[in-house]
């Protein structure tokens, strides 16, 4: 297992032509500030919240510790092998 699979996700983004610079620009904290606060007002059924980046290129969703553990152990290895 490799941390949070940063190299795997980077390879997927690269294959889709998504640069690190464009991700950083989309996820700029100051540009997304109002969307983050609005997302907190309308959290999902699980208690997590999500929002679209200011440029609508990405959807950001929080996950619980249990969801993270499940993804790392059960989903990620098969997900990256598939792609």
Foldseek 3Di string as FASTA:
>chain_A
DPVLCPVLVCVVCVVVVHDPVNVCVQVPCVLCVVQVVVQQVPDDPVNKTWGAGNVNPDIDIDDDPVVSVCCVPPNVVVVSVVD
